[in-house]
Amino acid sequence: MPEKGVFWEGISGGLAKTLEEVVEYVPGIGHYLKRENARERDKIIREHIAERFDHLKGAVMKVMEQKAEAKSLKGLDKLDRLSRKLDKLRDTIKFTSHGYSGYFDRVKILDEELRALYNYDLDILHRVEEMDKRLKGIKGVLGDDEKTEGEIAALSAFAEEMESILEDRKDAVTKGAGGEGESGGDESV
């Protein structure tokens, strides 16, 4: 029987009791329900990361507005490319494969791979916070084109690193799960 936790939230007492009885009679269903719950958690994490990329894009857009208002056009093209890159990063994480597979999915994800995904997600979140701090600091150097260019270059390098990390995250799902549609070993995942 699955642990009573997030899966059981929002299920009334009577319905939960009935579901527990079903779980007792259907072999493997408890394990399946627990895995499906992990899949939903992964989706929530990815959506949060996507929202953080949207926040970063908003901050970049504000910097672009401030530069335009100050009639400092140097670097606007690079900021525009950065903004588009953040859109791409957001879409990549938001629409990537789920971190945990459903019972009948072709690619099965095991606990070890899920742990690796969570580590990638933590790395991404830490780096997003670093970028957010840099974007807040860029406002202090807007009058100095040379320093602004340096900050824009650092932010662009960050976006390139993020693209690589997201690719590694995707590989952790496909290669760690046995690759190209093969099973990663435990068929009951």
C-alpha atoms as a PDB file:
ATOM      1  CA  MET A   1       0.000   0.000   0.000  1.00  0.00           C
ATOM      2  CA  PRO A   2       1.375   3.466  -0.813  1.00  0.00           C
ATOM      3  CA  GLU A   3       2.426   5.768   1.957  1.00  0.00           C
ATOM      4  CA  LYS A   4      -0.221   8.218   3.043  1.00  0.00           C
ATOM      5  CA  GLY A   5       1.213  11.472   1.853  1.00  0.00           C
ATOM      6  CA  VAL A   6       0.764  13.857  -1.011  1.00  0.00           C
ATOM      7  CA  PHE A   7      -1.209  11.288  -3.051  1.00  0.00           C
ATOM      8  CA  TRP A   8      -3.927  11.078  -0.414  1.00  0.00           C
ATOM      9  CA  GLU A   9      -4.291  14.845   0.027  1.00  0.00           C
ATOM     10  CA  GLY A  10      -7.743  16.077  -0.868  1.00  0.00           C
ATOM     11  CA  ILE A  11      -9.289  12.617  -0.756  1.00  0.00           C
ATOM     12  CA  SER A  12     -12.140  12.373   1.730  1.00  0.00           C
ATOM     13  CA  GLY A  13     -12.080   9.695   4.421  1.00  0.00           C
ATOM     14  CA  GLY A  14     -14.643   7.423   2.763  1.00  0.00           C
ATOM     15  CA  LEU A  15     -13.058   7.649  -0.665  1.00  0.00           C
ATOM     16  CA  ALA A  16      -9.592   7.119   0.804  1.00  0.00           C
ATOM     17  CA  LYS A  17     -10.789   3.974   2.585  1.00  0.00           C
ATOM     18  CA  THR A  18     -12.296   2.622  -0.641  1.00  0.00           C
ATOM     19  CA  LEU A  19      -9.121   3.432  -2.556  1.00  0.00           C
ATOM     20  CA  GLU A  20      -7.028   1.673   0.098  1.00  0.00           C
ATOM     21  CA  GLU A  21      -9.151  -1.434  -0.400  1.00  0.00           C
ATOM     22  CA  VAL A  22      -8.641  -1.264  -4.166  1.00  0.00           C
ATOM     23  CA  VAL A  23      -4.894  -0.899  -3.622  1.00  0.00           C
ATOM     24  CA  GLU A  24      -4.903  -4.053  -1.477  1.00  0.00           C
ATOM     25  CA  TYR A  25      -6.526  -6.102  -4.246  1.00  0.00           C
ATOM     26  CA  VAL A  26      -4.668  -4.837  -7.299  1.00  0.00           C
ATOM     27  CA  PRO A  27      -1.032  -5.947  -7.333  1.00  0.00           C
ATOM     28  CA  GLY A  28       1.381  -3.137  -8.118  1.00  0.00           C
ATOM     29  CA  ILE A  29      -1.209  -0.344  -8.068  1.00  0.00           C
ATOM     30  CA  GLY A  30       0.172   1.166  -4.841  1.00  0.00           C
ATOM     31  CA  HIS A  31       3.616   1.414  -6.415  1.00  0.00           C
ATOM     32  CA  TYR A  32       2.059   2.890  -9.554  1.00  0.00           C
ATOM     33  CA  LEU A  33       0.126   5.535  -7.600  1.00  0.00           C
ATOM     34  CA  LYS A  34       3.266   6.521  -5.728  1.00  0.00           C
ATOM     35  CA  ARG A  35       5.151   6.894  -9.037  1.00  0.00           C
ATOM     36  CA  GLU A  36       2.379   8.946 -10.635  1.00  0.00           C
ATOM     37  CA  ASN A  37       2.550  11.260  -7.628  1.00  0.00           C
ATOM     38  CA  ALA A  38       6.294  11.703  -8.214  1.00  0.00           C
ATOM     39  CA  ARG A  39       5.534  12.552 -11.845  1.00  0.00           C
ATOM     40  CA  GLU A  40       3.196  15.344 -10.730  1.00  0.00           C
ATOM     41  CA  ARG A  41       5.846  16.699  -8.322  1.00  0.00           C
ATOM     42  CA  ASP A  42       8.335  16.819 -11.211  1.00  0.00           C
ATOM     43  CA  LYS A  43       5.835  18.760 -13.308  1.00  0.00           C
ATOM     44  CA  ILE A  44       5.323  21.291 -10.501  1.00  0.00           C
ATOM     45  CA  ILE A  45       9.095  21.763 -10.121  1.00  0.00           C
ATOM     46  CA  ARG A  46       9.560  22.273 -13.867  1.00  0.00           C
ATOM     47  CA  GLU A  47       6.701  24.788 -13.980  1.00  0.00           C
ATOM     48  CA  HIS A  48       8.299  26.722 -11.114  1.00  0.00           C
ATOM     49  CA  ILE A  49      11.641  26.813 -12.942  1.00  0.00           C
ATOM     50  CA  ALA A  50       9.827  28.009 -16.083  1.00  0.00           C
ATOM     51  CA  GLU A  51       8.239  30.806 -14.027  1.00  0.00           C
ATOM     52  CA  ARG A  52      11.692  31.803 -12.742  1.00  0.00           C
ATOM     53  CA  PHE A  53      12.922  32.063 -16.347  1.00  0.00           C
ATOM     54  CA  ASP A  54       9.917  34.292 -17.091  1.00  0.00           C
ATOM     55  CA  HIS A  55      10.888  36.449 -14.107  1.00  0.00           C
ATOM     56  CA  LEU A  56      14.445  36.745 -15.440  1.00  0.00           C
ATOM     57  CA  LYS A  57      13.147  37.707 -18.865  1.00  0.00           C
ATOM     58  CA  GLY A  58      11.026  40.418 -17.239  1.00  0.00           C
ATOM     59  CA  ALA A  59      14.124  41.740 -15.466  1.00  0.00           C
ATOM     60  CA  VAL A  60      16.057  41.773 -18.755  1.00  0.00           C
ATOM     61  CA  MET A  61      13.200  43.652 -20.413  1.00  0.00           C
ATOM     62  CA  LYS A  62      13.308  46.267 -17.622  1.00  0.00           C
ATOM     63  CA  VAL A  63      17.031  46.752 -18.163  1.00  0.00           C
ATOM     64  CA  MET A  64      16.370  47.182 -21.881  1.00  0.00           C
ATOM     65  CA  GLU A  65      13.715  49.816 -21.133  1.00  0.00           C
ATOM     66  CA  GLN A  66      16.058  51.672 -18.785  1.00  0.00           C
ATOM     67  CA  LYS A  67      18.840  51.677 -21.369  1.00  0.00           C
ATOM     68  CA  ALA A  68      16.447  52.906 -24.058  1.00  0.00           C
ATOM     69  CA  GLU A  69      15.119  55.686 -21.790  1.00  0.00           C
ATOM     70  CA  ALA A  70      18.698  56.739 -21.067  1.00  0.00           C
ATOM     71  CA  LYS A  71      19.327  56.719 -24.829  1.00  0.00           C
ATOM     72  CA  SER A  72      22.083  54.163 -24.310  1.00  0.00           C
ATOM     73  CA  LEU A  73      21.556  51.774 -27.190  1.00  0.00           C
ATOM     74  CA  LYS A  74      24.827  49.892 -26.803  1.00  0.00           C
ATOM     75  CA  GLY A  75      24.146  46.294 -25.794  1.00  0.00           C
ATOM     76  CA  LEU A  76      20.401  46.330 -26.543  1.00  0.00           C
ATOM     77  CA  ASP A  77      20.864  43.752 -29.292  1.00  0.00           C
ATOM     78  CA  LYS A  78      22.649  41.425 -26.861  1.00  0.00           C
ATOM     79  CA  LEU A  79      19.942  41.915 -24.258  1.00  0.00           C
ATOM     80  CA  ASP A  80      17.319  41.114 -26.880  1.00  0.00           C
ATOM     81  CA  ARG A  81      19.136  37.863 -27.752  1.00  0.00           C
ATOM     82  CA  LEU A  82      19.341  37.065 -24.039  1.00  0.00           C
ATOM     83  CA  SER A  83      15.605  37.647 -23.700  1.00  0.00           C
ATOM     84  CA  ARG A  84      14.892  35.239 -26.572  1.00  0.00           C
ATOM     85  CA  LYS A  85      17.303  32.687 -25.076  1.00  0.00           C
ATOM     86  CA  LEU A  86      15.422  32.865 -21.777  1.00  0.00           C
ATOM     87  CA  ASP A  87      12.187  32.152 -23.666  1.00  0.00           C
ATOM     88  CA  LYS A  88      13.829  29.097 -25.197  1.00  0.00           C
ATOM     89  CA  LEU A  89      15.131  27.909 -21.817  1.00  0.00           C
ATOM     90  CA  ARG A  90      11.674  28.354 -20.302  1.00  0.00           C
ATOM     91  CA  ASP A  91      10.062  26.324 -23.066  1.00  0.00           C
ATOM     92  CA  THR A  92      12.740  23.634 -22.853  1.00  0.00           C
ATOM     93  CA  ILE A  93      12.177  22.995 -19.147  1.00  0.00           C
ATOM     94  CA  LYS A  94       8.421  23.437 -19.288  1.00  0.00           C
ATOM     95  CA  PHE A  95       7.810  21.042 -22.173  1.00  0.00           C
ATOM     96  CA  THR A  96      10.526  18.473 -21.495  1.00  0.00           C
ATOM     97  CA  SER A  97       9.745  14.839 -20.729  1.00  0.00           C
ATOM     98  CA  HIS A  98       8.258  14.225 -17.329  1.00  0.00           C
ATOM     99  CA  GLY A  99      10.784  13.246 -14.714  1.00  0.00           C
ATOM    100  CA  TYR A 100       8.915  10.100 -13.792  1.00  0.00           C
ATOM    101  CA  SER A 101       7.211   7.821 -16.245  1.00  0.00           C
ATOM    102  CA  GLY A 102       3.728   6.495 -16.020  1.00  0.00           C
ATOM    103  CA  TYR A 103       3.209   2.763 -15.607  1.00  0.00           C
ATOM    104  CA  PHE A 104       2.786   2.059 -19.314  1.00  0.00           C
ATOM    105  CA  ASP A 105       5.186   4.660 -20.736  1.00  0.00           C
ATOM    106  CA  ARG A 106       7.990   3.380 -22.982  1.00  0.00           C
ATOM    107  CA  VAL A 107      10.767   5.115 -21.030  1.00  0.00           C
ATOM    108  CA  LYS A 108      10.876   4.117 -17.384  1.00  0.00           C
ATOM    109  CA  ILE A 109      12.567   6.348 -14.814  1.00  0.00           C
ATOM    110  CA  LEU A 110      14.022   4.801 -11.671  1.00  0.00           C
ATOM    111  CA  ASP A 111      14.612   6.407  -8.284  1.00  0.00           C
ATOM    112  CA  GLU A 112      18.298   6.977  -9.072  1.00  0.00           C
ATOM    113  CA  GLU A 113      17.438   8.892 -12.235  1.00  0.00           C
ATOM    114  CA  LEU A 114      14.774  10.883 -10.404  1.00  0.00           C
ATOM    115  CA  ARG A 115      17.350  11.873  -7.801  1.00  0.00           C
ATOM    116  CA  ALA A 116      19.656  13.006 -10.620  1.00  0.00           C
ATOM    117  CA  LEU A 117      16.829  15.101 -12.103  1.00  0.00           C
ATOM    118  CA  TYR A 118      16.195  16.754  -8.751  1.00  0.00           C
ATOM    119  CA  ASN A 119      19.919  17.553  -8.503  1.00  0.00           C
ATOM    120  CA  TYR A 120      19.793  19.175 -11.952  1.00  0.00           C
ATOM    121  CA  ASP A 121      16.700  21.113 -10.894  1.00  0.00           C
ATOM    122  CA  LEU A 122      18.442  22.368  -7.743  1.00  0.00           C
ATOM    123  CA  ASP A 123      21.486  23.412  -9.782  1.00  0.00           C
ATOM    124  CA  ILE A 124      19.223  25.260 -12.216  1.00  0.00           C
ATOM    125  CA  LEU A 125      17.374  27.029  -9.398  1.00  0.00           C
ATOM    126  CA  HIS A 126      20.634  28.102  -7.724  1.00  0.00           C
ATOM    127  CA  ARG A 127      21.981  29.469 -11.001  1.00  0.00           C
ATOM    128  CA  VAL A 128      18.725  31.278 -11.744  1.00  0.00           C
ATOM    129  CA  GLU A 129      18.998  33.009  -8.366  1.00  0.00           C
ATOM    130  CA  GLU A 130      22.588  34.024  -9.193  1.00  0.00           C
ATOM    131  CA  MET A 131      21.437  35.479 -12.495  1.00  0.00           C
ATOM    132  CA  ASP A 132      18.629  37.342 -10.761  1.00  0.00           C
ATOM    133  CA  LYS A 133      21.188  38.966  -8.435  1.00  0.00           C
ATOM    134  CA  ARG A 134      23.345  39.952 -11.424  1.00  0.00           C
ATOM    135  CA  LEU A 135      20.340  41.499 -13.140  1.00  0.00           C
ATOM    136  CA  LYS A 136      19.567  43.530 -10.027  1.00  0.00           C
ATOM    137  CA  GLY A 137      23.204  44.661  -9.892  1.00  0.00           C
ATOM    138  CA  ILE A 138      23.308  45.704 -13.539  1.00  0.00           C
ATOM    139  CA  LYS A 139      21.106  48.700 -12.755  1.00  0.00           C
ATOM    140  CA  GLY A 140      23.996  50.217 -10.827  1.00  0.00           C
ATOM    141  CA  VAL A 141      26.314  50.188 -13.834  1.00  0.00           C
ATOM    142  CA  LEU A 142      23.885  51.254 -16.576  1.00  0.00           C
ATOM    143  CA  GLY A 143      25.672  54.578 -17.057  1.00  0.00           C
ATOM    144  CA  ASP A 144      29.000  52.832 -17.647  1.00  0.00           C
ATOM    145  CA  ASP A 145      28.842  51.124 -21.059  1.00  0.00           C
ATOM    146  CA  GLU A 146      31.980  49.073 -20.469  1.00  0.00           C
ATOM    147  CA  LYS A 147      30.738  47.605 -17.181  1.00  0.00           C
ATOM    148  CA  THR A 148      27.280  47.085 -18.642  1.00  0.00           C
ATOM    149  CA  GLU A 149      28.796  45.178 -21.585  1.00  0.00           C
ATOM    150  CA  GLY A 150      30.707  42.981 -19.119  1.00  0.00           C
ATOM    151  CA  GLU A 151      27.531  42.195 -17.175  1.00  0.00           C
ATOM    152  CA  ILE A 152      25.604  41.463 -20.373  1.00  0.00           C
ATOM    153  CA  ALA A 153      28.387  39.097 -21.484  1.00  0.00           C
ATOM    154  CA  ALA A 154      28.245  37.305 -18.121  1.00  0.00           C
ATOM    155  CA  LEU A 155      24.462  36.981 -18.386  1.00  0.00           C
ATOM    156  CA  SER A 156      24.761  35.608 -21.916  1.00  0.00           C
ATOM    157  CA  ALA A 157      27.350  33.064 -20.740  1.00  0.00           C
ATOM    158  CA  PHE A 158      24.915  32.068 -18.001  1.00  0.00           C
ATOM    159  CA  ALA A 159      22.219  31.411 -20.607  1.00  0.00           C
ATOM    160  CA  GLU A 160      24.617  29.235 -22.611  1.00  0.00           C
ATOM    161  CA  GLU A 161      25.495  27.240 -19.470  1.00  0.00           C
ATOM    162  CA  MET A 162      21.807  26.794 -18.711  1.00  0.00           C
ATOM    163  CA  GLU A 163      21.203  25.429 -22.190  1.00  0.00           C
ATOM    164  CA  SER A 164      23.936  22.837 -21.605  1.00  0.00           C
ATOM    165  CA  ILE A 165      22.560  21.908 -18.172  1.00  0.00           C
ATOM    166  CA  LEU A 166      19.063  21.450 -19.582  1.00  0.00           C
ATOM    167  CA  GLU A 167      20.486  19.199 -22.293  1.00  0.00           C
ATOM    168  CA  ASP A 168      22.282  17.156 -19.613  1.00  0.00           C
ATOM    169  CA  ARG A 169      19.011  16.966 -17.672  1.00  0.00           C
ATOM    170  CA  LYS A 170      17.242  15.630 -20.745  1.00  0.00           C
ATOM    171  CA  ASP A 171      20.019  13.065 -21.232  1.00  0.00           C
ATOM    172  CA  ALA A 172      19.603  11.950 -17.606  1.00  0.00           C
ATOM    173  CA  VAL A 173      16.026  11.005 -18.472  1.00  0.00           C
ATOM    174  CA  THR A 174      16.714   9.237 -21.756  1.00  0.00           C
ATOM    175  CA  LYS A 175      20.134   7.665 -21.165  1.00  0.00           C
ATOM    176  CA  GLY A 176      19.629   6.999 -17.470  1.00  0.00           C
ATOM    177  CA  ALA A 177      16.391   5.233 -18.270  1.00  0.00           C
ATOM    178  CA  GLY A 178      17.941   2.887 -20.794  1.00  0.00           C
ATOM    179  CA  GLY A 179      17.999   5.293 -23.733  1.00  0.00           C
ATOM    180  CA  GLU A 180      15.939   5.502 -26.879  1.00  0.00           C
ATOM    181  CA  GLY A 181      12.781   3.863 -25.571  1.00  0.00           C
ATOM    182  CA  GLU A 182      14.447   0.853 -23.958  1.00  0.00           C
ATOM    183  CA  SER A 183      13.546  -0.091 -20.442  1.00  0.00           C
ATOM    184  CA  GLY A 184      15.957   0.877 -17.705  1.00  0.00           C
ATOM    185  CA  GLY A 185      15.814  -2.543 -16.090  1.00  0.00           C
ATOM    186  CA  ASP A 186      12.936  -2.682 -13.602  1.00  0.00           C
ATOM    187  CA  GLU A 187       9.836  -3.186 -15.717  1.00  0.00           C
ATOM    188  CA  SER A 188       7.538  -2.476 -12.785  1.00  0.00           C
ATOM    189  CA  VAL A 189       8.488   1.187 -12.568  1.00  0.00           C
END
